């Protein structure tokens, strides 16, 4: 299922990570990389983890979403660096559909 976002929006993108069908335990993770086009965000610096929902909230600024292609799609790729040093990417890549905005100004 694709997620729709409008270019120029500022939002916290919800991302649920599973490994082997089970939710990722953040206690095992040292770093999580979220890559959306040219945008690179890291947990814990640029994202928060909501233990109640089991989702990460990746903060995207207006500048971030304006950098996405207009009226197109972008892929969200995720990699996890575990405390033991292993780095594993998730198999499923989420598609985001971008909707262009009439205004190209940051407000």
PDB file of N, CA and C in Angstrom:
ATOM      1  N   UNK A   1       0.834  -1.172   0.000  1.00  0.00           N
ATOM      2  CA  UNK A   1       0.000   0.000   0.000  1.00  0.00           C
ATOM      3  C   UNK A   1       0.885   1.244   0.000  1.00  0.00           C
ATOM      4  N   UNK A   2       0.573   2.182  -0.860  1.00  0.00           N
ATOM      5  CA  UNK A   2       1.350   3.407  -0.957  1.00  0.00           C
ATOM      6  C   UNK A   2       0.816   4.449   0.019  1.00  0.00           C
ATOM      7  N   UNK A   3       1.700   5.301   0.469  1.00  0.00           N
ATOM      8  CA  UNK A   3       1.359   6.417   1.336  1.00  0.00           C
ATOM      9  C   UNK A   3       1.411   7.671   0.482  1.00  0.00           C
ATOM     10  N   UNK A   4       0.404   8.536   0.592  1.00  0.00           N
ATOM     11  CA  UNK A   4       0.401   9.789  -0.166  1.00  0.00           C
ATOM     12  C   UNK A   4       0.856  10.936   0.720  1.00  0.00           C
ATOM     13  N   UNK A   5       1.775  11.750   0.179  1.00  0.00           N
ATOM     14  CA  UNK A   5       2.178  12.965   0.875  1.00  0.00           C
ATOM     15  C   UNK A   5       2.237  14.099  -0.142  1.00  0.00           C
ATOM     16  N   UNK A   6       1.976  15.300   0.325  1.00  0.00           N
ATOM     17  CA  UNK A   6       2.018  16.467  -0.548  1.00  0.00           C
ATOM     18  C   UNK A   6       3.372  17.152  -0.381  1.00  0.00           C
ATOM     19  N   UNK A   7       3.972  17.497  -1.502  1.00  0.00           N
ATOM     20  CA  UNK A   7       5.246  18.207  -1.454  1.00  0.00           C
ATOM     21  C   UNK A   7       5.038  19.513  -0.694  1.00  0.00           C
ATOM     22  N   UNK A   8       5.981  19.834   0.185  1.00  0.00           N
ATOM     23  CA  UNK A   8       5.887  21.038   0.996  1.00  0.00           C
ATOM     24  C   UNK A   8       5.264  20.805   2.359  1.00  0.00           C
ATOM     25  N   UNK A   9       4.714  19.613   2.584  1.00  0.00           N
ATOM     26  CA  UNK A   9       4.172  19.302   3.907  1.00  0.00           C
ATOM     27  C   UNK A   9       5.312  19.023   4.878  1.00  0.00           C
ATOM     28  N   UNK A  10       5.092  19.344   6.138  1.00  0.00           N
ATOM     29  CA  UNK A  10       6.003  18.965   7.213  1.00  0.00           C
ATOM     30  C   UNK A  10       5.265  17.919   8.020  1.00  0.00           C
ATOM     31  N   UNK A  11       5.885  16.766   8.229  1.00  0.00           N
ATOM     32  CA  UNK A  11       5.161  15.675   8.882  1.00  0.00           C
ATOM     33  C   UNK A  11       6.107  14.699   9.551  1.00  0.00           C
ATOM     34  N   UNK A  12       5.510  13.854  10.369  1.00  0.00           N
ATOM     35  CA  UNK A  12       6.229  12.736  10.976  1.00  0.00           C
ATOM     36  C   UNK A  12       5.709  11.475  10.300  1.00  0.00           C
ATOM     37  N   UNK A  13       6.529  10.895   9.440  1.00  0.00           N
ATOM     38  CA  UNK A  13       6.140   9.726   8.654  1.00  0.00           C
ATOM     39  C   UNK A  13       6.167   8.478   9.529  1.00  0.00           C
ATOM     40  N   UNK A  14       5.015   7.773   9.682  1.00  0.00           N
ATOM     41  CA  UNK A  14       5.004   6.565  10.507  1.00  0.00           C
ATOM     42  C   UNK A  14       5.617   5.385   9.740  1.00  0.00           C
ATOM     43  N   UNK A  15       6.553   4.693  10.392  1.00  0.00           N
ATOM     44  CA  UNK A  15       7.218   3.544   9.770  1.00  0.00           C
ATOM     45  C   UNK A  15       7.253   2.406  10.785  1.00  0.00           C
ATOM     46  N   UNK A  16       6.662   1.281  10.414  1.00  0.00           N
ATOM     47  CA  UNK A  16       6.700   0.091  11.271  1.00  0.00           C
ATOM     48  C   UNK A  16       7.703  -0.879  10.665  1.00  0.00           C
ATOM     49  N   UNK A  17       8.672  -1.313  11.452  1.00  0.00           N
ATOM     50  CA  UNK A  17       9.728  -2.210  10.974  1.00  0.00           C
ATOM     51  C   UNK A  17       9.523  -3.588  11.578  1.00  0.00           C
ATOM     52  N   UNK A  18       9.512  -4.585  10.710  1.00  0.00           N
ATOM     53  CA  UNK A  18       9.463  -5.968  11.182  1.00  0.00           C
ATOM     54  C   UNK A  18      10.663  -6.714  10.617  1.00  0.00           C
ATOM     55  N   UNK A  19      11.166  -7.625  11.400  1.00  0.00           N
ATOM     56  CA  UNK A  19      12.261  -8.505  10.990  1.00  0.00           C
ATOM     57  C   UNK A  19      11.800  -9.923  11.236  1.00  0.00           C
ATOM     58  N   UNK A  20      11.726 -10.715  10.168  1.00  0.00           N
ATOM     59  CA  UNK A  20      11.245 -12.084  10.298  1.00  0.00           C
ATOM     60  C   UNK A  20       9.803 -12.141  10.766  1.00  0.00           C
ATOM     61  N   UNK A  21       9.003 -11.139  10.401  1.00  0.00           N
ATOM     62  CA  UNK A  21       7.603 -11.107  10.779  1.00  0.00           C
ATOM     63  C   UNK A  21       7.333 -10.553  12.165  1.00  0.00           C
ATOM     64  N   UNK A  22       8.377 -10.268  12.922  1.00  0.00           N
ATOM     65  CA  UNK A  22       8.220  -9.741  14.281  1.00  0.00           C
ATOM     66  C   UNK A  22       8.617  -8.272  14.313  1.00  0.00           C
ATOM     67  N   UNK A  23       7.950  -7.453  15.137  1.00  0.00           N
ATOM     68  CA  UNK A  23       8.330  -6.051  15.253  1.00  0.00           C
ATOM     69  C   UNK A  23       9.769  -5.916  15.752  1.00  0.00           C
ATOM     70  N   UNK A  24      10.466  -4.933  15.215  1.00  0.00           N
ATOM     71  CA  UNK A  24      11.839  -4.672  15.633  1.00  0.00           C
ATOM     72  C   UNK A  24      11.858  -4.239  17.091  1.00  0.00           C
ATOM     73  N   UNK A  25      12.737  -4.843  17.875  1.00  0.00           N
ATOM     74  CA  UNK A  25      12.941  -4.413  19.253  1.00  0.00           C
ATOM     75  C   UNK A  25      14.006  -3.325  19.233  1.00  0.00           C
ATOM     76  N   UNK A  26      13.631  -2.109  19.614  1.00  0.00           N
ATOM     77  CA  UNK A  26      14.611  -1.021  19.595  1.00  0.00           C
ATOM     78  C   UNK A  26      15.719  -1.239  20.616  1.00  0.00           C
ATOM     79  N   UNK A  27      15.486  -2.116  21.577  1.00  0.00           N
ATOM     80  CA  UNK A  27      16.549  -2.432  22.539  1.00  0.00           C
ATOM     81  C   UNK A  27      17.730  -3.104  21.852  1.00  0.00           C
ATOM     82  N   UNK A  28      17.472  -3.769  20.713  1.00  0.00           N
ATOM     83  CA  UNK A  28      18.528  -4.460  19.971  1.00  0.00           C
ATOM     84  C   UNK A  28      19.200  -3.555  18.944  1.00  0.00           C
ATOM     85  N   UNK A  29      18.599  -2.398  18.656  1.00  0.00           N
ATOM     86  CA  UNK A  29      19.087  -1.524  17.583  1.00  0.00           C
ATOM     87  C   UNK A  29      19.996  -0.433  18.128  1.00  0.00           C
ATOM     88  N   UNK A  30      21.060  -0.173  17.382  1.00  0.00           N
ATOM     89  CA  UNK A  30      21.955   0.935  17.703  1.00  0.00           C
ATOM     90  C   UNK A  30      21.601   2.159  16.851  1.00  0.00           C
ATOM     91  N   UNK A  31      21.225   1.887  15.600  1.00  0.00           N
ATOM     92  CA  UNK A  31      20.954   2.950  14.636  1.00  0.00           C
ATOM     93  C   UNK A  31      19.984   2.412  13.591  1.00  0.00           C
ATOM     94  N   UNK A  32      19.072   3.256  13.133  1.00  0.00           N
ATOM     95  CA  UNK A  32      18.180   2.889  12.039  1.00  0.00           C
ATOM     96  C   UNK A  32      18.291   3.986  10.982  1.00  0.00           C
ATOM     97  N   UNK A  33      18.532   3.564   9.734  1.00  0.00           N
ATOM     98  CA  UNK A  33      18.640   4.503   8.627  1.00  0.00           C
ATOM     99  C   UNK A  33      17.378   4.423   7.775  1.00  0.00           C
ATOM    100  N   UNK A  34      16.783   5.587   7.509  1.00  0.00           N
ATOM    101  CA  UNK A  34      15.612   5.707   6.642  1.00  0.00           C
ATOM    102  C   UNK A  34      16.061   6.503   5.421  1.00  0.00           C
ATOM    103  N   UNK A  35      15.891   5.941   4.237  1.00  0.00           N
ATOM    104  CA  UNK A  35      16.314   6.617   2.999  1.00  0.00           C
ATOM    105  C   UNK A  35      15.103   6.799   2.104  1.00  0.00           C
ATOM    106  N   UNK A  36      14.798   8.049   1.777  1.00  0.00           N
ATOM    107  CA  UNK A  36      13.669   8.401   0.928  1.00  0.00           C
ATOM    108  C   UNK A  36      14.200   9.318  -0.163  1.00  0.00           C
ATOM    109  N   UNK A  37      14.425   8.758  -1.356  1.00  0.00           N
ATOM    110  CA  UNK A  37      15.073   9.542  -2.412  1.00  0.00           C
ATOM    111  C   UNK A  37      16.452   9.974  -1.940  1.00  0.00           C
ATOM    112  N   UNK A  38      16.725  11.272  -1.987  1.00  0.00           N
ATOM    113  CA  UNK A  38      18.005  11.813  -1.517  1.00  0.00           C
ATOM    114  C   UNK A  38      17.981  12.148  -0.028  1.00  0.00           C
ATOM    115  N   UNK A  39      16.837  11.946   0.608  1.00  0.00           N
ATOM    116  CA  UNK A  39      16.683  12.270   2.027  1.00  0.00           C
ATOM    117  C   UNK A  39      17.191  11.103   2.857  1.00  0.00           C
ATOM    118  N   UNK A  40      18.044  11.401   3.817  1.00  0.00           N
ATOM    119  CA  UNK A  40      18.557  10.373   4.733  1.00  0.00           C
ATOM    120  C   UNK A  40      18.287  10.830   6.158  1.00  0.00           C
ATOM    121  N   UNK A  41      17.563  10.015   6.906  1.00  0.00           N
ATOM    122  CA  UNK A  41      17.239  10.308   8.300  1.00  0.00           C
ATOM    123  C   UNK A  41      17.698   9.130   9.150  1.00  0.00           C
ATOM    124  N   UNK A  42      18.137   9.428  10.370  1.00  0.00           N
ATOM    125  CA  UNK A  42      18.625   8.401  11.287  1.00  0.00           C
ATOM    126  C   UNK A  42      17.841   8.435  12.592  1.00  0.00           C
ATOM    127  N   UNK A  43      17.609   7.248  13.144  1.00  0.00           N
ATOM    128  CA  UNK A  43      17.100   7.136  14.497  1.00  0.00           C
ATOM    129  C   UNK A  43      18.303   6.823  15.371  1.00  0.00           C
ATOM    130  N   UNK A  44      18.502   7.506  16.439  1.00  0.00           N
ATOM    131  CA  UNK A  44      17.542   8.306  17.183  1.00  0.00           C
ATOM    132  C   UNK A  44      17.579   9.815  16.886  1.00  0.00           C
ATOM    133  N   UNK A  45      18.472  10.300  16.029  1.00  0.00           N
ATOM    134  CA  UNK A  45      18.603  11.738  15.812  1.00  0.00           C
ATOM    135  C   UNK A  45      17.388  12.371  15.141  1.00  0.00           C
ATOM    136  N   UNK A  46      16.900  11.776  14.046  1.00  0.00           N
ATOM    137  CA  UNK A  46      15.868  12.394  13.217  1.00  0.00           C
ATOM    138  C   UNK A  46      14.525  11.689  13.287  1.00  0.00           C
ATOM    139  N   UNK A  47      14.396  10.736  14.164  1.00  0.00           N
ATOM    140  CA  UNK A  47      13.152   9.971  14.283  1.00  0.00           C
ATOM    141  C   UNK A  47      12.936   9.608  15.744  1.00  0.00           C
ATOM    142  N   UNK A  48      11.691   9.363  16.063  1.00  0.00           N
ATOM    143  CA  UNK A  48      11.329   8.925  17.405  1.00  0.00           C
ATOM    144  C   UNK A  48      10.692   7.549  17.295  1.00  0.00           C
ATOM    145  N   UNK A  49      10.722   6.807  18.384  1.00  0.00           N
ATOM    146  CA  UNK A  49      10.065   5.510  18.417  1.00  0.00           C
ATOM    147  C   UNK A  49       8.891   5.593  19.376  1.00  0.00           C
ATOM    148  N   UNK A  50       7.718   5.208  18.909  1.00  0.00           N
ATOM    149  CA  UNK A  50       6.504   5.182  19.715  1.00  0.00           C
ATOM    150  C   UNK A  50       6.261   3.737  20.136  1.00  0.00           C
ATOM    151  N   UNK A  51       6.585   3.437  21.391  1.00  0.00           N
ATOM    152  CA  UNK A  51       6.470   2.060  21.885  1.00  0.00           C
ATOM    153  C   UNK A  51       5.031   1.569  21.883  1.00  0.00           C
ATOM    154  N   UNK A  52       4.086   2.467  22.087  1.00  0.00           N
ATOM    155  CA  UNK A  52       2.680   2.061  22.135  1.00  0.00           C
ATOM    156  C   UNK A  52       2.199   1.538  20.776  1.00  0.00           C
ATOM    157  N   UNK A  53       2.571   2.230  19.705  1.00  0.00           N
ATOM    158  CA  UNK A  53       2.134   1.803  18.365  1.00  0.00           C
ATOM    159  C   UNK A  53       3.152   0.885  17.691  1.00  0.00           C
ATOM    160  N   UNK A  54       4.382   0.847  18.219  1.00  0.00           N
ATOM    161  CA  UNK A  54       5.436   0.047  17.604  1.00  0.00           C
ATOM    162  C   UNK A  54       5.952   0.654  16.306  1.00  0.00           C
ATOM    163  N   UNK A  55       5.780   1.975  16.155  1.00  0.00           N
ATOM    164  CA  UNK A  55       6.189   2.659  14.928  1.00  0.00           C
ATOM    165  C   UNK A  55       7.245   3.720  15.202  1.00  0.00           C
ATOM    166  N   UNK A  56       8.085   3.901  14.208  1.00  0.00           N
ATOM    167  CA  UNK A  56       8.998   5.034  14.212  1.00  0.00           C
ATOM    168  C   UNK A  56       8.251   6.210  13.594  1.00  0.00           C
ATOM    169  N   UNK A  57       8.579   7.402  13.996  1.00  0.00           N
ATOM    170  CA  UNK A  57       8.043   8.634  13.406  1.00  0.00           C
ATOM    171  C   UNK A  57       9.243   9.401  12.855  1.00  0.00           C
ATOM    172  N   UNK A  58       9.367   9.372  11.533  1.00  0.00           N
ATOM    173  CA  UNK A  58      10.499  10.006  10.855  1.00  0.00           C
ATOM    174  C   UNK A  58      10.094  11.433  10.498  1.00  0.00           C
ATOM    175  N   UNK A  59      10.805  12.398  11.065  1.00  0.00           N
ATOM    176  CA  UNK A  59      10.466  13.799  10.848  1.00  0.00           C
ATOM    177  C   UNK A  59      10.943  14.271   9.473  1.00  0.00           C
ATOM    178  N   UNK A  60      10.001  14.778   8.681  1.00  0.00           N
ATOM    179  CA  UNK A  60      10.309  15.343   7.370  1.00  0.00           C
ATOM    180  C   UNK A  60       9.931  16.817   7.381  1.00  0.00           C
ATOM    181  N   UNK A  61      10.873  17.661   6.995  1.00  0.00           N
ATOM    182  CA  UNK A  61      10.632  19.103   6.943  1.00  0.00           C
ATOM    183  C   UNK A  61      10.003  19.473   5.601  1.00  0.00           C
ATOM    184  N   UNK A  62       9.589  20.715   5.480  1.00  0.00           N
ATOM    185  CA  UNK A  62       9.070  21.199   4.204  1.00  0.00           C
ATOM    186  C   UNK A  62      10.146  21.080   3.131  1.00  0.00           C
ATOM    187  N   UNK A  63      11.375  21.425   3.476  1.00  0.00           N
ATOM    188  CA  UNK A  63      12.485  21.314   2.514  1.00  0.00           C
ATOM    189  C   UNK A  63      12.666  19.872   2.061  1.00  0.00           C
ATOM    190  N   UNK A  64      12.532  18.936   2.997  1.00  0.00           N
ATOM    191  CA  UNK A  64      12.658  17.515   2.659  1.00  0.00           C
ATOM    192  C   UNK A  64      11.605  17.116   1.625  1.00  0.00           C
ATOM    193  N   UNK A  65      10.348  17.432   1.909  1.00  0.00           N
ATOM    194  CA  UNK A  65       9.291  16.971   1.004  1.00  0.00           C
ATOM    195  C   UNK A  65       9.302  17.727  -0.323  1.00  0.00           C
ATOM    196  N   UNK A  66       9.768  18.983  -0.335  1.00  0.00           N
ATOM    197  CA  UNK A  66       9.912  19.695  -1.606  1.00  0.00           C
ATOM    198  C   UNK A  66      10.990  19.050  -2.479  1.00  0.00           C
ATOM    199  N   UNK A  67      11.928  18.330  -1.874  1.00  0.00           N
ATOM    200  CA  UNK A  67      12.993  17.685  -2.656  1.00  0.00           C
ATOM    201  C   UNK A  67      12.523  16.403  -3.347  1.00  0.00           C
ATOM    202  N   UNK A  68      11.330  15.924  -3.001  1.00  0.00           N
ATOM    203  CA  UNK A  68      10.789  14.711  -3.625  1.00  0.00           C
ATOM    204  C   UNK A  68      10.262  15.039  -5.019  1.00  0.00           C
ATOM    205  N   UNK A  69      10.229  14.053  -5.912  1.00  0.00           N
ATOM    206  CA  UNK A  69       9.739  14.314  -7.270  1.00  0.00           C
ATOM    207  C   UNK A  69       8.254  14.690  -7.262  1.00  0.00           C
ATOM    208  N   UNK A  70       7.885  15.597  -8.158  1.00  0.00           N
ATOM    209  CA  UNK A  70       6.499  16.067  -8.231  1.00  0.00           C
ATOM    210  C   UNK A  70       5.621  15.042  -8.930  1.00  0.00           C
ATOM    211  N   UNK A  71       4.435  14.802  -8.347  1.00  0.00           N
ATOM    212  CA  UNK A  71       3.450  13.883  -8.931  1.00  0.00           C
ATOM    213  C   UNK A  71       4.092  12.581  -9.399  1.00  0.00           C
ATOM    214  N   UNK A  72       4.805  11.945  -8.496  1.00  0.00           N
ATOM    215  CA  UNK A  72       5.554  10.735  -8.820  1.00  0.00           C
ATOM    216  C   UNK A  72       5.550   9.830  -7.598  1.00  0.00           C
ATOM    217  N   UNK A  73       6.455   8.912  -7.567  1.00  0.00           N
ATOM    218  CA  UNK A  73       6.582   8.006  -6.426  1.00  0.00           C
ATOM    219  C   UNK A  73       8.033   7.998  -5.961  1.00  0.00           C
ATOM    220  N   UNK A  74       8.216   7.719  -4.698  1.00  0.00           N
ATOM    221  CA  UNK A  74       9.551   7.586  -4.124  1.00  0.00           C
ATOM    222  C   UNK A  74       9.542   6.345  -3.245  1.00  0.00           C
ATOM    223  N   UNK A  75      10.680   5.690  -3.144  1.00  0.00           N
ATOM    224  CA  UNK A  75      10.786   4.499  -2.315  1.00  0.00           C
ATOM    225  C   UNK A  75      11.405   4.845  -0.971  1.00  0.00           C
ATOM    226  N   UNK A  76      10.871   4.238   0.074  1.00  0.00           N
ATOM    227  CA  UNK A  76      11.436   4.354   1.408  1.00  0.00           C
ATOM    228  C   UNK A  76      12.168   3.059   1.710  1.00  0.00           C
ATOM    229  N   UNK A  77      13.460   3.157   1.933  1.00  0.00           N
ATOM    230  CA  UNK A  77      14.277   1.991   2.251  1.00  0.00           C
ATOM    231  C   UNK A  77      14.778   2.134   3.685  1.00  0.00           C
ATOM    232  N   UNK A  78      14.868   1.022   4.406  1.00  0.00           N
ATOM    233  CA  UNK A  78      15.250   1.046   5.814  1.00  0.00           C
ATOM    234  C   UNK A  78      16.358   0.025   6.059  1.00  0.00           C
ATOM    235  N   UNK A  79      17.380   0.454   6.814  1.00  0.00           N
ATOM    236  CA  UNK A  79      18.432  -0.465   7.265  1.00  0.00           C
ATOM    237  C   UNK A  79      18.622  -0.283   8.765  1.00  0.00           C
ATOM    238  N   UNK A  80      18.900  -1.390   9.446  1.00  0.00           N
ATOM    239  CA  UNK A  80      19.070  -1.376  10.899  1.00  0.00           C
ATOM    240  C   UNK A  80      20.474  -1.835  11.243  1.00  0.00           C
ATOM    241  N   UNK A  81      21.155  -1.046  12.081  1.00  0.00           N
ATOM    242  CA  UNK A  81      22.448  -1.460  12.630  1.00  0.00           C
ATOM    243  C   UNK A  81      22.179  -1.933  14.055  1.00  0.00           C
ATOM    244  N   UNK A  82      22.464  -3.201  14.283  1.00  0.00           N
ATOM    245  CA  UNK A  82      22.211  -3.792  15.588  1.00  0.00           C
ATOM    246  C   UNK A  82      23.391  -3.556  16.531  1.00  0.00           C
ATOM    247  N   UNK A  83      23.141  -3.676  17.805  1.00  0.00           N
ATOM    248  CA  UNK A  83      24.173  -3.427  18.820  1.00  0.00           C
ATOM    249  C   UNK A  83      25.397  -4.321  18.640  1.00  0.00           C
ATOM    250  N   UNK A  84      25.224  -5.493  18.079  1.00  0.00           N
ATOM    251  CA  UNK A  84      26.346  -6.391  17.852  1.00  0.00           C
ATOM    252  C   UNK A  84      27.166  -6.024  16.620  1.00  0.00           C
ATOM    253  N   UNK A  85      26.707  -5.040  15.843  1.00  0.00           N
ATOM    254  CA  UNK A  85      27.450  -4.594  14.674  1.00  0.00           C
ATOM    255  C   UNK A  85      26.856  -5.006  13.337  1.00  0.00           C
ATOM    256  N   UNK A  86      25.957  -5.984  13.323  1.00  0.00           N
ATOM    257  CA  UNK A  86      25.344  -6.428  12.061  1.00  0.00           C
ATOM    258  C   UNK A  86      24.437  -5.341  11.500  1.00  0.00           C
ATOM    259  N   UNK A  87      24.434  -5.215  10.190  1.00  0.00           N
ATOM    260  CA  UNK A  87      23.547  -4.278   9.507  1.00  0.00           C
ATOM    261  C   UNK A  87      22.648  -5.076   8.573  1.00  0.00           C
ATOM    262  N   UNK A  88      21.341  -4.916   8.750  1.00  0.00           N
ATOM    263  CA  UNK A  88      20.376  -5.673   7.947  1.00  0.00           C
ATOM    264  C   UNK A  88      19.318  -4.707   7.422  1.00  0.00           C
ATOM    265  N   UNK A  89      19.067  -4.777   6.119  1.00  0.00           N
ATOM    266  CA  UNK A  89      18.013  -3.977   5.501  1.00  0.00           C
ATOM    267  C   UNK A  89      16.715  -4.745   5.501  1.00  0.00           C
ATOM    268  N   UNK A  90      15.625  -4.018   5.585  1.00  0.00           N
ATOM    269  CA  UNK A  90      14.329  -4.670   5.527  1.00  0.00           C
ATOM    270  C   UNK A  90      14.046  -5.078   4.087  1.00  0.00           C
ATOM    271  N   UNK A  91      13.281  -6.122   3.904  1.00  0.00           N
ATOM    272  CA  UNK A  91      12.985  -6.633   2.559  1.00  0.00           C
ATOM    273  C   UNK A  91      11.949  -5.790   1.840  1.00  0.00           C
ATOM    274  N   UNK A  92      10.975  -5.299   2.573  1.00  0.00           N
ATOM    275  CA  UNK A  92       9.886  -4.560   1.948  1.00  0.00           C
ATOM    276  C   UNK A  92      10.255  -3.082   1.835  1.00  0.00           C
ATOM    277  N   UNK A  93      10.107  -2.556   0.646  1.00  0.00           N
ATOM    278  CA  UNK A  93      10.335  -1.142   0.398  1.00  0.00           C
ATOM    279  C   UNK A  93       8.980  -0.481   0.244  1.00  0.00           C
ATOM    280  N   UNK A  94       8.726   0.542   1.029  1.00  0.00           N
ATOM    281  CA  UNK A  94       7.444   1.235   0.993  1.00  0.00           C
ATOM    282  C   UNK A  94       7.453   2.294  -0.095  1.00  0.00           C
ATOM    283  N   UNK A  95       6.373   2.369  -0.838  1.00  0.00           N
ATOM    284  CA  UNK A  95       6.232   3.381  -1.879  1.00  0.00           C
ATOM    285  C   UNK A  95       5.475   4.575  -1.320  1.00  0.00           C
ATOM    286  N   UNK A  96       5.983   5.758  -1.588  1.00  0.00           N
ATOM    287  CA  UNK A  96       5.293   6.981  -1.251  1.00  0.00           C
ATOM    288  C   UNK A  96       4.926   7.684  -2.538  1.00  0.00           C
ATOM    289  N   UNK A  97       3.687   8.071  -2.661  1.00  0.00           N
ATOM    290  CA  UNK A  97       3.220   8.801  -3.831  1.00  0.00           C
ATOM    291  C   UNK A  97       3.212  10.276  -3.453  1.00  0.00           C
ATOM    292  N   UNK A  98       3.867  11.089  -4.266  1.00  0.00           N
ATOM    293  CA  UNK A  98       3.929  12.513  -3.978  1.00  0.00           C
ATOM    294  C   UNK A  98       2.920  13.267  -4.826  1.00  0.00           C
ATOM    295  N   UNK A  99       2.273  14.215  -4.203  1.00  0.00           N
ATOM    296  CA  UNK A  99       1.327  15.089  -4.880  1.00  0.00           C
ATOM    297  C   UNK A  99       1.964  16.470  -4.921  1.00  0.00           C
ATOM    298  N   UNK A 100       2.003  17.091  -6.094  1.00  0.00           N
ATOM    299  CA  UNK A 100       2.645  18.384  -6.222  1.00  0.00           C
ATOM    300  C   UNK A 100       1.825  19.462  -5.526  1.00  0.00           C
ATOM    301  N   UNK A 101       2.497  20.525  -5.133  1.00  0.00           N
ATOM    302  CA  UNK A 101       1.857  21.671  -4.498  1.00  0.00           C
ATOM    303  C   UNK A 101       1.885  22.853  -5.453  1.00  0.00           C
ATOM    304  N   UNK A 102       0.876  23.706  -5.395  1.00  0.00           N
ATOM    305  CA  UNK A 102       0.868  24.909  -6.223  1.00  0.00           C
ATOM    306  C   UNK A 102       1.969  25.871  -5.795  1.00  0.00           C
ATOM    307  N   UNK A 103       2.219  25.931  -4.496  1.00  0.00           N
ATOM    308  CA  UNK A 103       3.250  26.816  -3.965  1.00  0.00           C
ATOM    309  C   UNK A 103       4.534  26.030  -3.775  1.00  0.00           C
ATOM    310  N   UNK A 104       5.649  26.653  -4.087  1.00  0.00           N
ATOM    311  CA  UNK A 104       6.940  26.022  -3.857  1.00  0.00           C
ATOM    312  C   UNK A 104       7.726  26.727  -2.764  1.00  0.00           C
ATOM    313  N   UNK A 105       7.026  27.516  -1.951  1.00  0.00           N
ATOM    314  CA  UNK A 105       7.667  28.303  -0.911  1.00  0.00           C
ATOM    315  C   UNK A 105       7.564  27.614   0.441  1.00  0.00           C
ATOM    316  N   UNK A 106       8.637  27.692   1.214  1.00  0.00           N
ATOM    317  CA  UNK A 106       8.610  27.217   2.592  1.00  0.00           C
ATOM    318  C   UNK A 106       7.949  28.314   3.426  1.00  0.00           C
ATOM    319  N   UNK A 107       6.970  27.927   4.240  1.00  0.00           N
ATOM    320  CA  UNK A 107       6.291  28.924   5.087  1.00  0.00           C
ATOM    321  C   UNK A 107       6.498  28.641   6.550  1.00  0.00           C
TER     322      UNK A 107
END
